């Protein structure tokens, strides 16, 4: 019995100490805003009030890594993660894509989207660390002579920083 007390009391004290030392700030709540993605809505070039789907869309980086949720998808908006280590992010947007059995793209109209910005790190909390806010964002569609994205991207935020994903930041027309 004496030995049980000798073992039990330190273990009990250790458990109490651990539970008291944990603070609410040790876990980053899911509701805490973190680094936001760029939100782009796609509209009909001929009727610019109407959103328009891009069919069989693939969105990839220049190293051919496809973004989650953007492999042969149909969408009229894009949520694009921006590089937090660089001031430029480039995406390949391939509309009407077809893929062979080996996963290689065999058809489609590809446009290159170049997004330039400046980064600002903001402290959120001890548990969440820092988030990146993107300022002075500009979007350019490289002209390859066969663009499916027509006209110039329209900045809807008038160079306000990108801090949330609640509304579109740019409109693209096709």
N, C-alpha and C. Protein backbone atom coordinates (compact mmCIF):
# COMPACT_ATOMS: atom_id res chain seq x y z
N UNK A 1 0.82 -1.19 0.00
CA UNK A 1 0.00 0.00 0.00
C UNK A 1 0.87 1.26 0.00
N UNK A 2 1.95 1.17 0.73
CA UNK A 2 2.85 2.30 0.82
C UNK A 2 3.45 2.61 -0.56
N UNK A 3 3.79 1.55 -1.29
CA UNK A 3 4.39 1.74 -2.60
C UNK A 3 3.39 2.29 -3.61
N UNK A 4 2.15 1.92 -3.47
CA UNK A 4 1.10 2.43 -4.37
C UNK A 4 0.97 3.94 -4.18
N UNK A 5 1.00 4.40 -2.94
CA UNK A 5 0.93 5.84 -2.69
C UNK A 5 2.14 6.55 -3.26
N UNK A 6 3.30 5.94 -3.17
CA UNK A 6 4.52 6.56 -3.68
C UNK A 6 4.48 6.72 -5.19
N UNK A 7 3.83 5.81 -5.87
CA UNK A 7 3.72 5.88 -7.32
C UNK A 7 2.51 6.72 -7.73
N UNK A 8 1.39 6.53 -7.05
CA UNK A 8 0.14 7.19 -7.42
C UNK A 8 0.20 8.71 -7.23
N UNK A 9 0.74 9.17 -6.13
CA UNK A 9 0.76 10.60 -5.83
C UNK A 9 1.58 11.38 -6.87
N UNK A 10 2.78 10.97 -7.25
CA UNK A 10 3.51 11.73 -8.28
C UNK A 10 2.80 11.70 -9.65
N UNK A 11 2.22 10.56 -10.02
CA UNK A 11 1.51 10.49 -11.30
C UNK A 11 0.30 11.41 -11.28
N UNK A 12 -0.44 11.40 -10.19
CA UNK A 12 -1.61 12.27 -10.06
C UNK A 12 -1.19 13.73 -10.11
N UNK A 13 -0.12 14.09 -9.43
CA UNK A 13 0.38 15.47 -9.44
C UNK A 13 0.82 15.88 -10.84
N UNK A 14 1.46 14.97 -11.55
CA UNK A 14 1.89 15.24 -12.92
C UNK A 14 0.70 15.49 -13.84
N UNK A 15 -0.33 14.68 -13.75
CA UNK A 15 -1.53 14.86 -14.58
C UNK A 15 -2.21 16.19 -14.28
N UNK A 16 -2.31 16.54 -13.03
CA UNK A 16 -2.91 17.83 -12.67
C UNK A 16 -2.05 18.97 -13.21
N UNK A 17 -0.76 18.85 -13.08
CA UNK A 17 0.14 19.89 -13.59
C UNK A 17 0.03 20.07 -15.09
N UNK A 18 -0.07 18.99 -15.81
CA UNK A 18 -0.20 19.07 -17.27
C UNK A 18 -1.52 19.71 -17.66
N UNK A 19 -2.60 19.31 -17.02
CA UNK A 19 -3.90 19.86 -17.39
C UNK A 19 -4.02 21.33 -17.01
N UNK A 20 -3.37 21.75 -15.95
CA UNK A 20 -3.41 23.17 -15.57
C UNK A 20 -2.54 24.00 -16.50
N UNK A 21 -1.45 23.44 -16.99
CA UNK A 21 -0.53 24.21 -17.83
C UNK A 21 -1.05 24.44 -19.23
N UNK A 22 -2.00 23.65 -19.71
CA UNK A 22 -2.58 23.86 -21.04
C UNK A 22 -3.48 25.08 -21.01
N UNK A 23 -3.27 25.97 -21.95
CA UNK A 23 -4.09 27.16 -22.05
C UNK A 23 -4.97 27.06 -23.28
N UNK A 24 -5.99 27.89 -23.29
CA UNK A 24 -6.90 27.91 -24.43
C UNK A 24 -6.16 28.28 -25.71
N UNK A 25 -5.08 29.02 -25.55
CA UNK A 25 -4.32 29.51 -26.69
C UNK A 25 -3.41 28.45 -27.30
N UNK A 26 -3.37 27.25 -26.72
CA UNK A 26 -2.50 26.21 -27.23
C UNK A 26 -3.06 25.51 -28.46
N UNK A 27 -4.31 25.70 -28.76
CA UNK A 27 -4.94 25.07 -29.92
C UNK A 27 -5.53 26.18 -30.79
N UNK A 28 -5.19 26.17 -32.06
CA UNK A 28 -5.70 27.19 -32.99
C UNK A 28 -7.11 26.78 -33.41
N UNK A 29 -8.13 27.56 -33.03
CA UNK A 29 -9.51 27.21 -33.41
C UNK A 29 -9.69 27.24 -34.93
N UNK A 30 -10.51 26.34 -35.43
CA UNK A 30 -10.77 26.28 -36.86
C UNK A 30 -11.40 27.57 -37.38
N UNK A 31 -12.07 28.30 -36.52
CA UNK A 31 -12.75 29.53 -36.93
C UNK A 31 -11.80 30.71 -37.07
N UNK A 32 -10.55 30.56 -36.65
CA UNK A 32 -9.58 31.65 -36.71
C UNK A 32 -9.18 31.88 -38.16
N UNK A 33 -9.27 33.13 -38.64
CA UNK A 33 -8.87 33.41 -40.02
C UNK A 33 -7.36 33.19 -40.20
N UNK A 34 -7.01 32.46 -41.22
CA UNK A 34 -5.61 32.24 -41.54
C UNK A 34 -5.35 32.84 -42.93
N UNK A 35 -4.25 32.49 -43.54
CA UNK A 35 -3.90 33.05 -44.85
C UNK A 35 -5.00 32.73 -45.86
N UNK A 36 -5.52 33.78 -46.47
CA UNK A 36 -6.64 33.64 -47.42
C UNK A 36 -6.15 33.31 -48.81
N UNK A 37 -7.01 32.64 -49.55
CA UNK A 37 -6.76 32.37 -50.95
C UNK A 37 -7.36 33.50 -51.79
N UNK A 38 -6.87 33.63 -53.02
CA UNK A 38 -7.40 34.60 -53.98
C UNK A 38 -8.69 34.04 -54.56
N UNK A 39 -9.77 34.83 -54.53
CA UNK A 39 -11.06 34.40 -55.05
C UNK A 39 -11.29 35.08 -56.39
N UNK A 40 -11.51 34.27 -57.43
CA UNK A 40 -11.75 34.78 -58.78
C UNK A 40 -13.06 34.20 -59.28
N UNK A 41 -13.95 35.08 -59.74
CA UNK A 41 -15.21 34.65 -60.36
C UNK A 41 -15.05 34.69 -61.87
N UNK A 42 -15.67 33.72 -62.55
CA UNK A 42 -15.62 33.63 -64.01
C UNK A 42 -16.96 34.08 -64.59
N UNK A 43 -16.91 35.00 -65.56
CA UNK A 43 -18.11 35.56 -66.15
C UNK A 43 -18.10 35.40 -67.67
N UNK A 44 -19.29 35.49 -68.25
CA UNK A 44 -19.48 35.42 -69.70
C UNK A 44 -18.97 36.72 -70.31
N UNK A 45 -18.04 36.62 -71.25
CA UNK A 45 -17.47 37.80 -71.90
C UNK A 45 -18.54 38.58 -72.67
N UNK A 46 -19.50 37.88 -73.28
CA UNK A 46 -20.53 38.54 -74.09
C UNK A 46 -21.67 39.10 -73.26
N UNK A 47 -21.89 38.58 -72.09
CA UNK A 47 -22.94 39.08 -71.19
C UNK A 47 -22.32 39.16 -69.79
N UNK A 48 -21.64 40.25 -69.51
CA UNK A 48 -20.75 40.35 -68.36
C UNK A 48 -21.46 40.41 -67.01
N UNK A 49 -22.77 40.33 -67.02
CA UNK A 49 -23.52 40.24 -65.76
C UNK A 49 -23.70 38.79 -65.30
N UNK A 50 -23.48 37.84 -66.22
CA UNK A 50 -23.75 36.43 -65.93
C UNK A 50 -22.46 35.66 -65.66
N UNK A 51 -22.48 34.91 -64.57
CA UNK A 51 -21.37 33.99 -64.31
C UNK A 51 -21.43 32.88 -65.37
N UNK A 52 -20.25 32.36 -65.71
CA UNK A 52 -20.18 31.32 -66.74
C UNK A 52 -19.19 30.25 -66.29
N UNK A 53 -19.63 29.00 -66.39
CA UNK A 53 -18.78 27.88 -66.02
C UNK A 53 -17.67 27.67 -67.04
N UNK A 54 -16.53 27.23 -66.55
CA UNK A 54 -15.47 26.70 -67.40
C UNK A 54 -15.54 25.19 -67.22
N UNK A 55 -15.66 24.46 -68.31
CA UNK A 55 -15.86 23.01 -68.26
C UNK A 55 -14.52 22.28 -68.40
N UNK A 56 -14.46 21.11 -67.75
CA UNK A 56 -13.26 20.28 -67.77
C UNK A 56 -12.01 21.11 -67.50
N UNK A 57 -12.06 21.84 -66.41
CA UNK A 57 -10.99 22.77 -66.04
C UNK A 57 -9.96 22.06 -65.17
N UNK A 58 -8.70 22.31 -65.50
CA UNK A 58 -7.58 21.86 -64.68
C UNK A 58 -6.80 23.11 -64.28
N UNK A 59 -6.49 23.22 -63.00
CA UNK A 59 -5.65 24.31 -62.51
C UNK A 59 -4.41 23.67 -61.90
N UNK A 60 -3.24 24.06 -62.41
CA UNK A 60 -1.98 23.48 -61.96
C UNK A 60 -0.94 24.59 -61.84
N UNK A 61 0.12 24.29 -61.08
CA UNK A 61 1.23 25.23 -61.03
C UNK A 61 2.17 24.93 -62.20
N UNK A 62 3.26 25.65 -62.28
CA UNK A 62 4.17 25.46 -63.41
C UNK A 62 4.93 24.14 -63.34
N UNK A 63 4.92 23.49 -62.17
CA UNK A 63 5.55 22.17 -62.02
C UNK A 63 4.55 21.05 -62.27
N UNK A 64 3.38 21.38 -62.82
CA UNK A 64 2.31 20.44 -63.17
C UNK A 64 1.66 19.77 -61.97
N UNK A 65 1.77 20.39 -60.79
CA UNK A 65 1.02 19.89 -59.62
C UNK A 65 -0.37 20.49 -59.69
N UNK A 66 -1.37 19.61 -59.78
CA UNK A 66 -2.76 20.04 -59.91
C UNK A 66 -3.30 20.43 -58.54
N UNK A 67 -4.03 21.54 -58.49
CA UNK A 67 -4.66 21.97 -57.24
C UNK A 67 -5.80 21.02 -56.89
N UNK A 68 -5.94 20.74 -55.61
CA UNK A 68 -7.08 19.93 -55.15
C UNK A 68 -8.36 20.57 -55.64
N UNK A 69 -9.31 19.78 -56.03
CA UNK A 69 -10.63 20.21 -56.50
C UNK A 69 -10.61 20.85 -57.89
N UNK A 70 -9.47 20.89 -58.57
CA UNK A 70 -9.43 21.50 -59.90
C UNK A 70 -8.82 20.55 -60.92
N UNK A 71 -9.33 19.32 -60.94
CA UNK A 71 -8.92 18.35 -61.95
C UNK A 71 -10.15 17.93 -62.72
N UNK A 72 -10.26 18.39 -63.95
CA UNK A 72 -11.41 18.11 -64.82
C UNK A 72 -12.72 18.48 -64.12
N UNK A 73 -12.75 19.66 -63.58
CA UNK A 73 -13.92 20.13 -62.86
C UNK A 73 -14.67 21.17 -63.68
N UNK A 74 -15.89 21.45 -63.29
CA UNK A 74 -16.67 22.52 -63.88
C UNK A 74 -16.92 23.54 -62.80
N UNK A 75 -16.54 24.79 -63.07
CA UNK A 75 -16.65 25.81 -62.03
C UNK A 75 -16.78 27.19 -62.65
N UNK A 76 -17.40 28.10 -61.88
CA UNK A 76 -17.46 29.50 -62.29
C UNK A 76 -16.76 30.39 -61.26
N UNK A 77 -16.01 29.77 -60.35
CA UNK A 77 -15.15 30.55 -59.47
C UNK A 77 -13.95 29.71 -59.07
N UNK A 78 -12.88 30.40 -58.72
CA UNK A 78 -11.63 29.76 -58.35
C UNK A 78 -11.17 30.27 -57.00
N UNK A 79 -10.65 29.39 -56.17
CA UNK A 79 -10.00 29.74 -54.91
C UNK A 79 -8.55 29.32 -55.05
N UNK A 80 -7.67 30.29 -55.26
CA UNK A 80 -6.28 29.99 -55.58
C UNK A 80 -5.36 30.35 -54.42
N UNK A 81 -4.59 29.38 -53.94
CA UNK A 81 -3.63 29.67 -52.88
C UNK A 81 -2.43 30.43 -53.45
N UNK A 82 -2.03 31.49 -52.78
CA UNK A 82 -0.88 32.27 -53.23
C UNK A 82 0.35 31.83 -52.45
N UNK A 83 1.49 31.92 -53.09
CA UNK A 83 2.75 31.51 -52.48
C UNK A 83 3.13 32.51 -51.39
N UNK A 84 3.30 32.03 -50.17
CA UNK A 84 3.62 32.91 -49.05
C UNK A 84 5.12 33.18 -48.93
N UNK A 85 5.93 32.56 -49.80
CA UNK A 85 7.38 32.77 -49.76
C UNK A 85 7.89 33.61 -50.91
N UNK A 86 7.03 33.92 -51.86
CA UNK A 86 7.41 34.69 -53.05
C UNK A 86 6.39 35.81 -53.26
N UNK A 87 6.71 36.76 -54.12
CA UNK A 87 5.78 37.85 -54.45
C UNK A 87 5.05 37.60 -55.76
N UNK A 88 5.17 36.40 -56.29
CA UNK A 88 4.50 36.02 -57.53
C UNK A 88 4.04 34.56 -57.43
N UNK A 89 2.85 34.31 -57.94
CA UNK A 89 2.36 32.94 -58.08
C UNK A 89 1.83 32.80 -59.51
N UNK A 90 2.14 31.68 -60.14
CA UNK A 90 1.72 31.45 -61.51
C UNK A 90 0.93 30.15 -61.58
N UNK A 91 -0.19 30.20 -62.30
CA UNK A 91 -1.03 29.01 -62.48
C UNK A 91 -1.27 28.77 -63.96
N UNK A 92 -1.41 27.49 -64.30
CA UNK A 92 -1.85 27.08 -65.62
C UNK A 92 -3.34 26.76 -65.50
N UNK A 93 -4.19 27.46 -66.25
CA UNK A 93 -5.63 27.19 -66.28
C UNK A 93 -5.93 26.56 -67.63
N UNK A 94 -6.34 25.30 -67.61
CA UNK A 94 -6.58 24.56 -68.85
C UNK A 94 -8.07 24.24 -68.93
N UNK A 95 -8.74 24.87 -69.90
CA UNK A 95 -10.18 24.68 -70.10
C UNK A 95 -10.39 23.63 -71.19
N UNK A 96 -11.50 22.88 -71.08
CA UNK A 96 -11.84 21.83 -72.05
C UNK A 96 -10.72 20.79 -72.14
N UNK A 97 -10.15 20.46 -71.00
CA UNK A 97 -9.02 19.53 -70.96
C UNK A 97 -9.49 18.10 -71.13
N UNK A 98 -8.62 17.30 -71.71
CA UNK A 98 -8.80 15.85 -71.80
C UNK A 98 -7.50 15.21 -71.34
N UNK A 99 -7.65 14.08 -70.64
CA UNK A 99 -6.50 13.41 -70.05
C UNK A 99 -6.49 11.95 -70.52
N UNK A 100 -5.29 11.46 -70.85
CA UNK A 100 -5.21 10.05 -71.27
C UNK A 100 -5.15 9.14 -70.06
N UNK A 101 -5.06 7.84 -70.30
CA UNK A 101 -5.07 6.84 -69.22
C UNK A 101 -3.89 6.98 -68.27
N UNK A 102 -2.81 7.58 -68.74
CA UNK A 102 -1.63 7.76 -67.89
C UNK A 102 -1.67 9.07 -67.11
N UNK A 103 -2.74 9.85 -67.28
CA UNK A 103 -2.87 11.11 -66.55
C UNK A 103 -2.25 12.31 -67.23
N UNK A 104 -1.83 12.15 -68.49
CA UNK A 104 -1.24 13.27 -69.22
C UNK A 104 -2.33 14.04 -69.95
N UNK A 105 -2.21 15.36 -69.95
CA UNK A 105 -3.18 16.21 -70.63
C UNK A 105 -2.93 16.11 -72.13
N UNK A 106 -3.97 15.73 -72.87
CA UNK A 106 -3.83 15.55 -74.31
C UNK A 106 -4.49 16.67 -75.11
N UNK A 107 -5.48 17.33 -74.52
CA UNK A 107 -6.18 18.41 -75.21
C UNK A 107 -6.54 19.48 -74.21
N UNK A 108 -6.91 20.65 -74.74
CA UNK A 108 -7.38 21.74 -73.90
C UNK A 108 -6.73 23.05 -74.30
N UNK A 109 -7.34 24.13 -73.86
CA UNK A 109 -6.83 25.47 -74.13
C UNK A 109 -6.24 26.00 -72.82
N UNK A 110 -4.94 26.21 -72.83
CA UNK A 110 -4.22 26.63 -71.62
C UNK A 110 -3.93 28.13 -71.64
N UNK A 111 -4.24 28.78 -70.53
CA UNK A 111 -3.83 30.16 -70.30
C UNK A 111 -3.00 30.20 -69.03
N UNK A 112 -2.02 31.08 -69.02
CA UNK A 112 -1.14 31.24 -67.87
C UNK A 112 -1.58 32.49 -67.12
N UNK A 113 -1.86 32.31 -65.84
CA UNK A 113 -2.30 33.39 -64.97
C UNK A 113 -1.13 33.74 -64.04
N UNK A 114 -0.65 34.98 -64.11
CA UNK A 114 0.44 35.44 -63.26
C UNK A 114 -0.13 36.42 -62.25
N UNK A 115 0.09 36.13 -60.97
CA UNK A 115 -0.44 36.95 -59.89
C UNK A 115 0.74 37.55 -59.14
N UNK A 116 0.81 38.88 -59.12
CA UNK A 116 1.88 39.60 -58.43
C UNK A 116 1.30 40.28 -57.20
N UNK A 117 2.10 40.40 -56.14
CA UNK A 117 1.63 40.98 -54.89
C UNK A 117 2.81 41.25 -53.98
N UNK A 118 2.54 41.96 -52.90
CA UNK A 118 3.50 42.08 -51.81
C UNK A 118 2.91 41.37 -50.60
N UNK A 119 3.78 40.83 -49.77
CA UNK A 119 3.34 40.04 -48.62
C UNK A 119 3.57 40.80 -47.32
N UNK A 120 2.66 40.58 -46.40
CA UNK A 120 2.80 41.16 -45.06
C UNK A 120 2.42 40.08 -44.05
N UNK A 121 3.34 39.77 -43.15
CA UNK A 121 3.09 38.77 -42.12
C UNK A 121 2.43 39.44 -40.92
N UNK A 122 1.36 38.84 -40.42
CA UNK A 122 0.62 39.37 -39.29
C UNK A 122 0.51 38.28 -38.22
N UNK A 123 0.84 38.63 -36.99
CA UNK A 123 0.76 37.68 -35.89
C UNK A 123 -0.70 37.46 -35.52
N UNK A 124 -1.11 36.20 -35.43
CA UNK A 124 -2.49 35.86 -35.09
C UNK A 124 -2.58 35.50 -33.61
N UNK A 125 -1.83 34.50 -33.18
CA UNK A 125 -1.80 34.09 -31.78
C UNK A 125 -0.67 33.09 -31.60
N UNK A 126 -0.41 32.72 -30.35
CA UNK A 126 0.65 31.75 -30.08
C UNK A 126 0.34 30.41 -30.74
N UNK A 127 -0.90 30.00 -30.69
CA UNK A 127 -1.28 28.70 -31.25
C UNK A 127 -1.34 28.73 -32.78
N UNK A 128 -1.80 29.82 -33.35
CA UNK A 128 -1.99 29.91 -34.80
C UNK A 128 -0.76 30.44 -35.53
N UNK A 129 0.10 31.12 -34.82
CA UNK A 129 1.30 31.68 -35.44
C UNK A 129 0.97 32.91 -36.27
N UNK A 130 1.54 32.96 -37.47
CA UNK A 130 1.38 34.11 -38.36
C UNK A 130 0.50 33.74 -39.54
N UNK A 131 -0.12 34.75 -40.13
CA UNK A 131 -0.80 34.58 -41.41
C UNK A 131 -0.24 35.63 -42.35
N UNK A 132 -0.41 35.38 -43.63
CA UNK A 132 0.09 36.30 -44.64
C UNK A 132 -1.09 37.06 -45.24
N UNK A 133 -0.92 38.37 -45.33
CA UNK A 133 -1.88 39.23 -46.02
C UNK A 133 -1.22 39.68 -47.31
N UNK A 134 -1.96 39.60 -48.40
CA UNK A 134 -1.43 39.96 -49.71
C UNK A 134 -1.92 41.34 -50.08
N UNK A 135 -0.98 42.23 -50.43
CA UNK A 135 -1.32 43.61 -50.78
C UNK A 135 -0.88 43.89 -52.21
N UNK A 136 -1.46 44.94 -52.79
CA UNK A 136 -1.13 45.38 -54.15
C UNK A 136 -1.19 44.22 -55.15
N UNK A 137 -2.28 43.47 -55.12
CA UNK A 137 -2.42 42.28 -55.96
C UNK A 137 -2.78 42.68 -57.39
N UNK A 138 -2.08 42.09 -58.32
CA UNK A 138 -2.37 42.28 -59.73
C UNK A 138 -2.41 40.94 -60.43
N UNK A 139 -3.33 40.78 -61.38
CA UNK A 139 -3.47 39.54 -62.13
C UNK A 139 -3.29 39.85 -63.61
N UNK A 140 -2.45 39.06 -64.26
CA UNK A 140 -2.18 39.22 -65.69
C UNK A 140 -2.36 37.86 -66.37
N UNK A 141 -3.04 37.87 -67.51
CA UNK A 141 -3.16 36.66 -68.33
C UNK A 141 -2.15 36.79 -69.46
N UNK A 142 -1.20 35.86 -69.51
CA UNK A 142 -0.19 35.91 -70.56
C UNK A 142 -0.84 35.61 -71.90
N UNK A 143 -0.50 36.41 -72.91
CA UNK A 143 -1.09 36.25 -74.23
C UNK A 143 -0.28 35.23 -75.03
N UNK A 144 -0.93 34.12 -75.34
CA UNK A 144 -0.29 33.08 -76.14
C UNK A 144 -0.88 33.00 -77.55
N UNK A 145 -1.74 33.98 -77.89
CA UNK A 145 -2.37 33.99 -79.20
C UNK A 145 -3.65 33.18 -79.27
N UNK A 146 -3.93 32.40 -78.23
CA UNK A 146 -5.13 31.55 -78.21
C UNK A 146 -5.74 31.58 -76.81
N UNK A 147 -5.99 32.78 -76.31
CA UNK A 147 -6.50 32.91 -74.95
C UNK A 147 -7.98 32.55 -74.88
N UNK A 148 -8.36 31.80 -73.86
CA UNK A 148 -9.78 31.56 -73.59
C UNK A 148 -10.28 32.57 -72.57
N UNK A 149 -9.37 33.13 -71.78
CA UNK A 149 -9.72 34.23 -70.87
C UNK A 149 -9.59 35.50 -71.68
N UNK A 150 -10.69 36.20 -71.84
CA UNK A 150 -10.73 37.37 -72.72
C UNK A 150 -10.76 38.66 -71.90
N UNK A 151 -10.20 39.71 -72.45
CA UNK A 151 -10.20 40.99 -71.76
C UNK A 151 -9.25 40.97 -70.57
N UNK A 152 -9.21 42.08 -69.87
CA UNK A 152 -8.34 42.20 -68.70
C UNK A 152 -9.08 41.79 -67.44
N UNK A 153 -8.39 41.13 -66.52
CA UNK A 153 -9.02 40.81 -65.23
C UNK A 153 -9.44 42.10 -64.53
N UNK A 154 -10.59 42.07 -63.90
CA UNK A 154 -11.10 43.25 -63.19
C UNK A 154 -10.88 43.06 -61.70
N UNK A 155 -10.15 44.01 -61.10
CA UNK A 155 -9.88 43.99 -59.67
C UNK A 155 -11.10 44.56 -58.95
N UNK A 156 -11.75 43.75 -58.14
CA UNK A 156 -12.96 44.17 -57.44
C UNK A 156 -12.67 44.81 -56.08
N UNK A 157 -11.46 44.66 -55.59
CA UNK A 157 -11.15 45.15 -54.25
C UNK A 157 -10.39 46.47 -54.26
N UNK A 158 -10.13 47.01 -55.43
CA UNK A 158 -9.44 48.28 -55.58
C UNK A 158 -8.17 48.33 -54.73
N UNK A 159 -7.37 47.29 -54.89
CA UNK A 159 -6.09 47.15 -54.20
C UNK A 159 -6.18 47.10 -52.69
N UNK A 160 -7.35 46.73 -52.16
CA UNK A 160 -7.41 46.44 -50.73
C UNK A 160 -6.69 45.13 -50.49
N UNK A 161 -6.10 44.95 -49.32
CA UNK A 161 -5.40 43.70 -49.05
C UNK A 161 -6.35 42.50 -49.08
N UNK A 162 -5.80 41.36 -49.46
CA UNK A 162 -6.57 40.12 -49.43
C UNK A 162 -6.41 39.53 -48.04
N UNK A 163 -7.49 39.62 -47.27
CA UNK A 163 -7.47 39.14 -45.89
C UNK A 163 -8.53 38.08 -45.64
N UNK A 164 -9.48 37.90 -46.56
CA UNK A 164 -10.53 36.91 -46.35
C UNK A 164 -11.00 36.35 -47.69
N UNK A 165 -11.83 35.31 -47.60
CA UNK A 165 -12.37 34.65 -48.78
C UNK A 165 -13.87 34.83 -48.89
N UNK A 166 -14.40 35.89 -48.27
CA UNK A 166 -15.85 36.08 -48.23
C UNK A 166 -16.43 36.58 -49.54
N UNK A 167 -15.62 37.23 -50.35
CA UNK A 167 -16.12 37.75 -51.64
C UNK A 167 -15.00 37.69 -52.66
N UNK A 168 -15.40 37.81 -53.93
CA UNK A 168 -14.43 37.72 -55.02
C UNK A 168 -13.49 38.92 -55.01
N UNK A 169 -12.25 38.65 -55.39
CA UNK A 169 -11.25 39.71 -55.50
C UNK A 169 -11.07 40.16 -56.95
N UNK A 170 -11.26 39.23 -57.89
CA UNK A 170 -11.11 39.55 -59.31
C UNK A 170 -12.21 38.85 -60.12
N UNK A 171 -12.54 39.43 -61.26
CA UNK A 171 -13.41 38.79 -62.25
C UNK A 171 -12.60 38.52 -63.50
N UNK A 172 -12.79 37.33 -64.05
CA UNK A 172 -12.23 36.97 -65.35
C UNK A 172 -13.38 36.68 -66.30
N UNK A 173 -13.19 37.01 -67.58
CA UNK A 173 -14.24 36.83 -68.58
C UNK A 173 -13.78 35.84 -69.64
N UNK A 174 -14.72 34.97 -70.04
CA UNK A 174 -14.40 33.99 -71.09
C UNK A 174 -15.63 33.73 -71.92
